[in-house]
C-alpha cells in the first residue's frame, strides 16, 4: 500500500523536476549572448549546454514506467535539478533585469 504511494509521489516529483529543467532550457534560449555578458553571467552557449544536459538527464532519471530512474542516475538527477534551479533563481532574474533596462525608453524625452 505505502509502496504504491511512494512510487506515485516519486513519479510526480520527477515530472515536476523535468518540467522545471525543460523550462530552464527554453528560457536560456530566449536571451542573447550580449544580455548574458551584460548581466555578468557566463555566455549563452554555457547556459544552454548546462540546461540542455540537465533536461536530458532529468528525462533519463524519471522513475519507471517513463525513465530508468535508479542508482547513479538518481544522483545525476539531483545535479540536474540544481543546475535548473541555479539558472531559474540566479541567472534568469539578472537577465530579466537587463532586458527590462534595454526595453525602457530613455529619460528626458526625445
C-alpha atoms as a PDB file:
ATOM      1  CA  UNK A   1       0.000   0.000   0.000  1.00  0.00           C
ATOM      2  CA  UNK A   2       2.695   2.511   1.013  1.00  0.00           C
ATOM      3  CA  UNK A   3       4.984   1.318  -1.768  1.00  0.00           C
ATOM      4  CA  UNK A   4       2.488   2.336  -4.425  1.00  0.00           C
ATOM      5  CA  UNK A   5       2.027   5.751  -2.797  1.00  0.00           C
ATOM      6  CA  UNK A   6       5.784   6.257  -2.623  1.00  0.00           C
ATOM      7  CA  UNK A   7       6.198   5.309  -6.274  1.00  0.00           C
ATOM      8  CA  UNK A   8       3.416   7.697  -7.284  1.00  0.00           C
ATOM      9  CA  UNK A   9       4.939  10.539  -5.267  1.00  0.00           C
ATOM     10  CA  UNK A  10       8.362   9.857  -6.760  1.00  0.00           C
ATOM     11  CA  UNK A  11       6.883   9.926 -10.262  1.00  0.00           C
ATOM     12  CA  UNK A  12       5.100  13.238  -9.592  1.00  0.00           C
ATOM     13  CA  UNK A  13       8.257  14.843  -8.154  1.00  0.00           C
ATOM     14  CA  UNK A  14      10.285  13.563 -11.109  1.00  0.00           C
ATOM     15  CA  UNK A  15       7.839  15.044 -13.596  1.00  0.00           C
ATOM     16  CA  UNK A  16       7.826  18.394 -11.758  1.00  0.00           C
ATOM     17  CA  UNK A  17      11.640  18.447 -11.800  1.00  0.00           C
ATOM     18  CA  UNK A  18      11.703  17.546 -15.503  1.00  0.00           C
ATOM     19  CA  UNK A  19       9.245  20.344 -16.343  1.00  0.00           C
ATOM     20  CA  UNK A  20      11.457  22.827 -14.444  1.00  0.00           C
ATOM     21  CA  UNK A  21      14.504  21.623 -16.386  1.00  0.00           C
ATOM     22  CA  UNK A  22      12.709  21.990 -19.723  1.00  0.00           C
ATOM     23  CA  UNK A  23      11.501  25.460 -18.715  1.00  0.00           C
ATOM     24  CA  UNK A  24      15.070  26.470 -17.800  1.00  0.00           C
ATOM     25  CA  UNK A  25      16.330  25.214 -21.173  1.00  0.00           C
ATOM     26  CA  UNK A  26      13.695  27.075 -23.161  1.00  0.00           C
ATOM     27  CA  UNK A  27      14.216  30.236 -21.140  1.00  0.00           C
ATOM     28  CA  UNK A  28      18.005  30.082 -21.577  1.00  0.00           C
ATOM     29  CA  UNK A  29      17.484  30.199 -25.339  1.00  0.00           C
ATOM     30  CA  UNK A  30      15.380  33.379 -25.187  1.00  0.00           C
ATOM     31  CA  UNK A  31      18.225  35.731 -24.261  1.00  0.00           C
ATOM     32  CA  UNK A  32      21.089  36.935 -26.442  1.00  0.00           C
ATOM     33  CA  UNK A  33      24.742  36.383 -25.693  1.00  0.00           C
ATOM     34  CA  UNK A  34      25.146  40.122 -25.092  1.00  0.00           C
ATOM     35  CA  UNK A  35      22.456  40.031 -22.400  1.00  0.00           C
ATOM     36  CA  UNK A  36      24.335  37.257 -20.603  1.00  0.00           C
ATOM     37  CA  UNK A  37      27.516  39.333 -20.639  1.00  0.00           C
ATOM     38  CA  UNK A  38      25.681  42.489 -19.543  1.00  0.00           C
ATOM     39  CA  UNK A  39      24.221  40.553 -16.601  1.00  0.00           C
ATOM     40  CA  UNK A  40      27.716  39.422 -15.595  1.00  0.00           C
ATOM     41  CA  UNK A  41      26.929  35.743 -16.178  1.00  0.00           C
ATOM     42  CA  UNK A  42      28.544  33.041 -18.299  1.00  0.00           C
ATOM     43  CA  UNK A  43      27.690  33.090 -22.000  1.00  0.00           C
ATOM     44  CA  UNK A  44      24.607  31.751 -23.743  1.00  0.00           C
ATOM     45  CA  UNK A  45      26.359  28.626 -25.035  1.00  0.00           C
ATOM     46  CA  UNK A  46      27.381  27.646 -21.498  1.00  0.00           C
ATOM     47  CA  UNK A  47      23.899  28.016 -20.020  1.00  0.00           C
ATOM     48  CA  UNK A  48      22.211  26.384 -22.986  1.00  0.00           C
ATOM     49  CA  UNK A  49      24.563  23.403 -22.710  1.00  0.00           C
ATOM     50  CA  UNK A  50      24.075  23.175 -18.940  1.00  0.00           C
ATOM     51  CA  UNK A  51      20.285  23.399 -19.002  1.00  0.00           C
ATOM     52  CA  UNK A  52      20.089  21.126 -22.055  1.00  0.00           C
ATOM     53  CA  UNK A  53      22.184  18.498 -20.296  1.00  0.00           C
ATOM     54  CA  UNK A  54      20.066  18.912 -17.183  1.00  0.00           C
ATOM     55  CA  UNK A  55      16.891  18.315 -19.206  1.00  0.00           C
ATOM     56  CA  UNK A  56      18.367  15.212 -20.848  1.00  0.00           C
ATOM     57  CA  UNK A  57      19.488  13.779 -17.506  1.00  0.00           C
ATOM     58  CA  UNK A  58      16.146  14.751 -15.980  1.00  0.00           C
ATOM     59  CA  UNK A  59      14.344  12.737 -18.623  1.00  0.00           C
ATOM     60  CA  UNK A  60      16.558   9.701 -18.039  1.00  0.00           C
ATOM     61  CA  UNK A  61      16.092   9.865 -14.279  1.00  0.00           C
ATOM     62  CA  UNK A  62      12.310   9.855 -14.367  1.00  0.00           C
ATOM     63  CA  UNK A  63      11.130   6.812 -12.457  1.00  0.00           C
ATOM     64  CA  UNK A  64       9.636   3.825 -14.257  1.00  0.00           C
ATOM     65  CA  UNK A  65       7.476   3.420 -16.312  1.00  0.00           C
ATOM     66  CA  UNK A  66       8.743   6.569 -18.086  1.00  0.00           C
ATOM     67  CA  UNK A  67      12.502   6.565 -17.434  1.00  0.00           C
ATOM     68  CA  UNK A  68      15.160   4.429 -15.816  1.00  0.00           C
ATOM     69  CA  UNK A  69      15.438   6.348 -12.516  1.00  0.00           C
ATOM     70  CA  UNK A  70      17.672   4.256 -10.300  1.00  0.00           C
ATOM     71  CA  UNK A  71      21.211   4.012  -8.974  1.00  0.00           C
ATOM     72  CA  UNK A  72      23.781   6.528 -10.154  1.00  0.00           C
ATOM     73  CA  UNK A  73      21.192   8.249 -12.331  1.00  0.00           C
ATOM     74  CA  UNK A  74      19.362   9.393  -9.216  1.00  0.00           C
ATOM     75  CA  UNK A  75      22.353  11.439  -8.079  1.00  0.00           C
ATOM     76  CA  UNK A  76      22.740  12.866 -11.575  1.00  0.00           C
ATOM     77  CA  UNK A  77      19.055  13.780 -11.464  1.00  0.00           C
ATOM     78  CA  UNK A  78      19.682  15.761  -8.309  1.00  0.00           C
ATOM     79  CA  UNK A  79      22.531  17.606 -10.044  1.00  0.00           C
ATOM     80  CA  UNK A  80      20.204  18.341 -12.989  1.00  0.00           C
ATOM     81  CA  UNK A  81      17.608  19.897 -10.676  1.00  0.00           C
ATOM     82  CA  UNK A  82      20.318  22.006  -9.032  1.00  0.00           C
ATOM     83  CA  UNK A  83      21.515  23.302 -12.423  1.00  0.00           C
ATOM     84  CA  UNK A  84      17.983  24.249 -13.433  1.00  0.00           C
ATOM     85  CA  UNK A  85      17.427  25.834 -10.021  1.00  0.00           C
ATOM     86  CA  UNK A  86      20.584  27.946 -10.277  1.00  0.00           C
ATOM     87  CA  UNK A  87      19.567  29.185 -13.705  1.00  0.00           C
ATOM     88  CA  UNK A  88      15.998  29.971 -12.656  1.00  0.00           C
ATOM     89  CA  UNK A  89      16.843  31.648  -9.344  1.00  0.00           C
ATOM     90  CA  UNK A  90      20.154  33.389 -10.090  1.00  0.00           C
ATOM     91  CA  UNK A  91      20.764  33.844 -13.811  1.00  0.00           C
ATOM     92  CA  UNK A  92      17.218  34.393 -15.092  1.00  0.00           C
ATOM     93  CA  UNK A  93      16.348  37.308 -12.747  1.00  0.00           C
ATOM     94  CA  UNK A  94      19.529  39.119 -13.800  1.00  0.00           C
ATOM     95  CA  UNK A  95      18.753  38.551 -17.472  1.00  0.00           C
ATOM     96  CA  UNK A  96      15.212  39.848 -16.978  1.00  0.00           C
ATOM     97  CA  UNK A  97      16.610  42.972 -15.311  1.00  0.00           C
ATOM     98  CA  UNK A  98      18.977  43.587 -18.219  1.00  0.00           C
ATOM     99  CA  UNK A  99      16.215  43.042 -20.761  1.00  0.00           C
ATOM    100  CA  UNK A 100      13.926  45.380 -18.802  1.00  0.00           C
ATOM    101  CA  UNK A 101      16.549  48.147 -18.883  1.00  0.00           C
ATOM    102  CA  UNK A 102      17.021  47.924 -22.636  1.00  0.00           C
ATOM    103  CA  UNK A 103      13.247  47.929 -23.286  1.00  0.00           C
ATOM    104  CA  UNK A 104      12.627  51.210 -21.435  1.00  0.00           C
ATOM    105  CA  UNK A 105      12.607  54.459 -23.360  1.00  0.00           C
ATOM    106  CA  UNK A 106      15.345  56.933 -22.433  1.00  0.00           C
ATOM    107  CA  UNK A 107      14.514  59.520 -19.777  1.00  0.00           C
ATOM    108  CA  UNK A 108      14.033  63.131 -20.658  1.00  0.00           C
ATOM    109  CA  UNK A 109      12.017  62.698 -23.816  1.00  0.00           C
ATOM    110  CA  UNK A 110      13.486  62.907 -27.285  1.00  0.00           C
END
